[in-house]
């Protein structure tokens, strides 16, 4: 079966998020089973909740290859000769994974006919509504999401906080 571009982004996002979960296990000096648990929970948890909320079949139940991606990404961190205990590595993998998952989730919700405000990732939704194809909207939306997250990591960008009188 040939993979679509969105599926490739989905696999990549899941792999990056699973790796970030496994790095969290590495920071705690956990065993391989905990690496896999943290990786699978981090890689698939958000998508599972999304599918339950929009009434879609839970993706990894109907397509166990997603579970395999999460397990392999987790084990890659476990066996890697690099020391994955850097919190910076976790944050950067998380940034890439979140950007990918934001557009995949948006595309899925939009494809299920949910209203644009419910789809959440605004750049992606606006581009879909403007007639961009799914892939074009996903790439641009993902890049915008990644740049914003990178700005928080590199330059400490923050939204204004509430300041009481």
Protein backbone atom coordinates (compact mmCIF):
# COMPACT_ATOMS: atom_id res chain seq x y z
CA UNK A 1 0.00 0.00 0.00
CA UNK A 2 1.41 3.38 -1.01
CA UNK A 3 1.59 6.02 1.70
CA UNK A 4 0.17 9.48 1.17
CA UNK A 5 2.18 12.57 2.06
CA UNK A 6 -0.05 13.19 5.08
CA UNK A 7 0.58 9.63 6.31
CA UNK A 8 4.33 10.20 6.01
CA UNK A 9 4.01 13.40 8.04
CA UNK A 10 1.88 11.46 10.52
CA UNK A 11 4.50 8.71 10.90
CA UNK A 12 7.29 11.28 11.26
CA UNK A 13 5.36 13.28 13.85
CA UNK A 14 4.59 10.14 15.81
CA UNK A 15 8.20 9.02 15.65
CA UNK A 16 9.50 12.37 16.91
CA UNK A 17 6.93 12.49 19.72
CA UNK A 18 7.64 8.88 20.69
CA UNK A 19 11.36 9.68 20.77
CA UNK A 20 10.69 12.67 23.03
CA UNK A 21 8.71 10.41 25.37
CA UNK A 22 11.57 7.92 25.39
CA UNK A 23 14.01 10.74 26.19
CA UNK A 24 11.83 11.57 29.20
CA UNK A 25 12.34 7.95 30.28
CA UNK A 26 16.08 8.31 29.67
CA UNK A 27 16.19 11.39 31.92
CA UNK A 28 14.76 9.20 34.66
CA UNK A 29 17.17 6.29 33.87
CA UNK A 30 14.27 3.90 33.24
CA UNK A 31 14.27 0.43 31.66
CA UNK A 32 13.39 -0.48 28.04
CA UNK A 33 9.76 -1.28 28.88
CA UNK A 34 9.29 2.19 30.37
CA UNK A 35 10.95 3.73 27.30
CA UNK A 36 8.37 1.97 25.11
CA UNK A 37 5.48 2.94 27.39
CA UNK A 38 6.51 6.62 27.55
CA UNK A 39 7.18 6.64 23.79
CA UNK A 40 3.85 5.05 22.87
CA UNK A 41 1.89 7.22 25.29
CA UNK A 42 3.55 10.40 24.02
CA UNK A 43 3.47 9.38 20.35
CA UNK A 44 -0.12 8.11 20.23
CA UNK A 45 -1.93 9.70 23.20
CA UNK A 46 -2.99 12.94 21.54
CA UNK A 47 -4.16 11.26 18.36
CA UNK A 48 -6.11 8.71 20.38
CA UNK A 49 -7.93 11.46 22.24
CA UNK A 50 -8.55 13.32 18.98
CA UNK A 51 -10.10 10.25 17.35
CA UNK A 52 -12.31 9.56 20.36
CA UNK A 53 -13.53 13.16 20.41
CA UNK A 54 -14.34 13.38 16.70
CA UNK A 55 -15.91 9.92 16.48
CA UNK A 56 -13.22 8.43 14.24
CA UNK A 57 -11.88 4.91 14.62
CA UNK A 58 -8.83 5.07 16.89
CA UNK A 59 -6.00 5.12 14.36
CA UNK A 60 -3.56 2.71 16.01
CA UNK A 61 -6.26 0.13 16.69
CA UNK A 62 -7.19 -0.10 13.02
CA UNK A 63 -3.60 0.44 11.80
CA UNK A 64 -1.14 -1.25 14.19
CA UNK A 65 1.77 -0.04 12.05
CA UNK A 66 1.47 3.21 14.04
CA UNK A 67 2.17 1.25 17.22
CA UNK A 68 5.22 -0.27 15.51
CA UNK A 69 6.52 3.23 14.63
CA UNK A 70 6.22 4.34 18.25
CA UNK A 71 7.92 1.21 19.58
CA UNK A 72 10.76 1.47 17.05
CA UNK A 73 11.33 5.17 17.79
CA UNK A 74 11.40 4.41 21.52
CA UNK A 75 13.84 1.55 21.08
CA UNK A 76 16.03 3.68 18.81
CA UNK A 77 16.50 6.07 21.74
CA UNK A 78 17.15 3.12 24.07
CA UNK A 79 19.90 1.58 21.91
CA UNK A 80 21.39 4.80 20.59
CA UNK A 81 25.04 5.32 21.49
CA UNK A 82 24.24 8.99 22.09
CA UNK A 83 23.23 10.07 25.55
CA UNK A 84 19.63 11.23 25.13
CA UNK A 85 19.39 12.82 28.51
CA UNK A 86 19.53 16.34 27.16
CA UNK A 87 16.37 18.24 27.90
CA UNK A 88 17.09 20.31 24.75
CA UNK A 89 16.85 17.17 22.58
CA UNK A 90 13.48 16.39 24.11
CA UNK A 91 12.21 19.92 23.43
CA UNK A 92 13.38 19.96 19.79
CA UNK A 93 11.96 16.52 19.00
CA UNK A 94 8.74 17.60 20.68
CA UNK A 95 8.65 20.77 18.56
CA UNK A 96 8.94 18.83 15.31
CA UNK A 97 6.43 16.22 16.43
CA UNK A 98 3.88 18.78 17.60
CA UNK A 99 4.12 20.74 14.35
CA UNK A 100 3.53 17.57 12.34
CA UNK A 101 0.73 16.32 14.56
CA UNK A 102 -1.03 19.68 14.59
CA UNK A 103 -1.49 19.65 10.83
CA UNK A 104 -2.30 15.93 10.65
CA UNK A 105 -4.95 16.33 13.34
CA UNK A 106 -6.33 19.42 11.66
CA UNK A 107 -6.53 17.68 8.30
CA UNK A 108 -8.28 14.70 9.85
CA UNK A 109 -10.80 16.83 11.77
CA UNK A 110 -11.44 19.00 8.69
CA UNK A 111 -11.90 15.86 6.59
CA UNK A 112 -14.47 14.59 9.11
CA UNK A 113 -16.49 17.74 8.45
CA UNK A 114 -15.86 19.51 11.75
CA UNK A 115 -16.24 23.27 11.74
CA UNK A 116 -13.01 25.27 11.28
CA UNK A 117 -12.87 26.62 14.88
CA UNK A 118 -12.99 23.04 16.18
CA UNK A 119 -10.09 21.99 13.92
CA UNK A 120 -7.82 24.30 15.99
CA UNK A 121 -4.54 24.79 13.97
CA UNK A 122 -5.55 28.14 12.46
CA UNK A 123 -2.96 28.56 9.66
CA UNK A 124 -3.71 25.10 8.29
CA UNK A 125 -7.50 25.61 8.49
CA UNK A 126 -7.35 29.04 6.85
CA UNK A 127 -5.28 27.63 4.00
CA UNK A 128 -7.67 24.68 3.56
CA UNK A 129 -10.61 27.10 3.50
CA UNK A 130 -8.75 29.24 0.94
CA UNK A 131 -8.54 26.25 -1.39
CA UNK A 132 -5.00 25.05 -0.74
CA UNK A 133 -4.57 21.32 -1.10
CA UNK A 134 -4.16 19.23 2.04
CA UNK A 135 -0.42 18.82 1.52
CA UNK A 136 0.28 22.50 0.81
CA UNK A 137 -1.75 23.59 3.83
CA UNK A 138 -0.04 20.95 5.99
CA UNK A 139 3.48 21.95 4.99
CA UNK A 140 2.89 25.69 5.47
CA UNK A 141 0.90 25.19 8.68
CA UNK A 142 3.52 22.82 10.05
CA UNK A 143 6.36 25.22 9.24
CA UNK A 144 4.54 28.10 10.94
CA UNK A 145 3.92 25.93 14.01
CA UNK A 146 7.54 24.80 14.11
CA UNK A 147 8.90 28.35 13.70
CA UNK A 148 6.71 29.58 16.55
CA UNK A 149 7.83 26.73 18.80
CA UNK A 150 11.46 27.24 17.76
CA UNK A 151 11.11 30.92 18.71
CA UNK A 152 10.10 29.91 22.22
CA UNK A 153 13.15 27.66 22.47
CA UNK A 154 15.72 29.99 20.90
CA UNK A 155 14.52 33.47 21.86
CA UNK A 156 12.15 32.79 24.76
CA UNK A 157 9.08 34.06 22.88
CA UNK A 158 6.07 34.10 25.16
CA UNK A 159 2.49 35.28 24.99
CA UNK A 160 1.72 38.22 27.27
CA UNK A 161 0.78 37.10 30.76
CA UNK A 162 -2.03 38.44 32.90
CA UNK A 163 -0.89 41.23 35.18
CA UNK A 164 -3.37 42.18 37.90
CA UNK A 165 -3.54 45.82 38.96
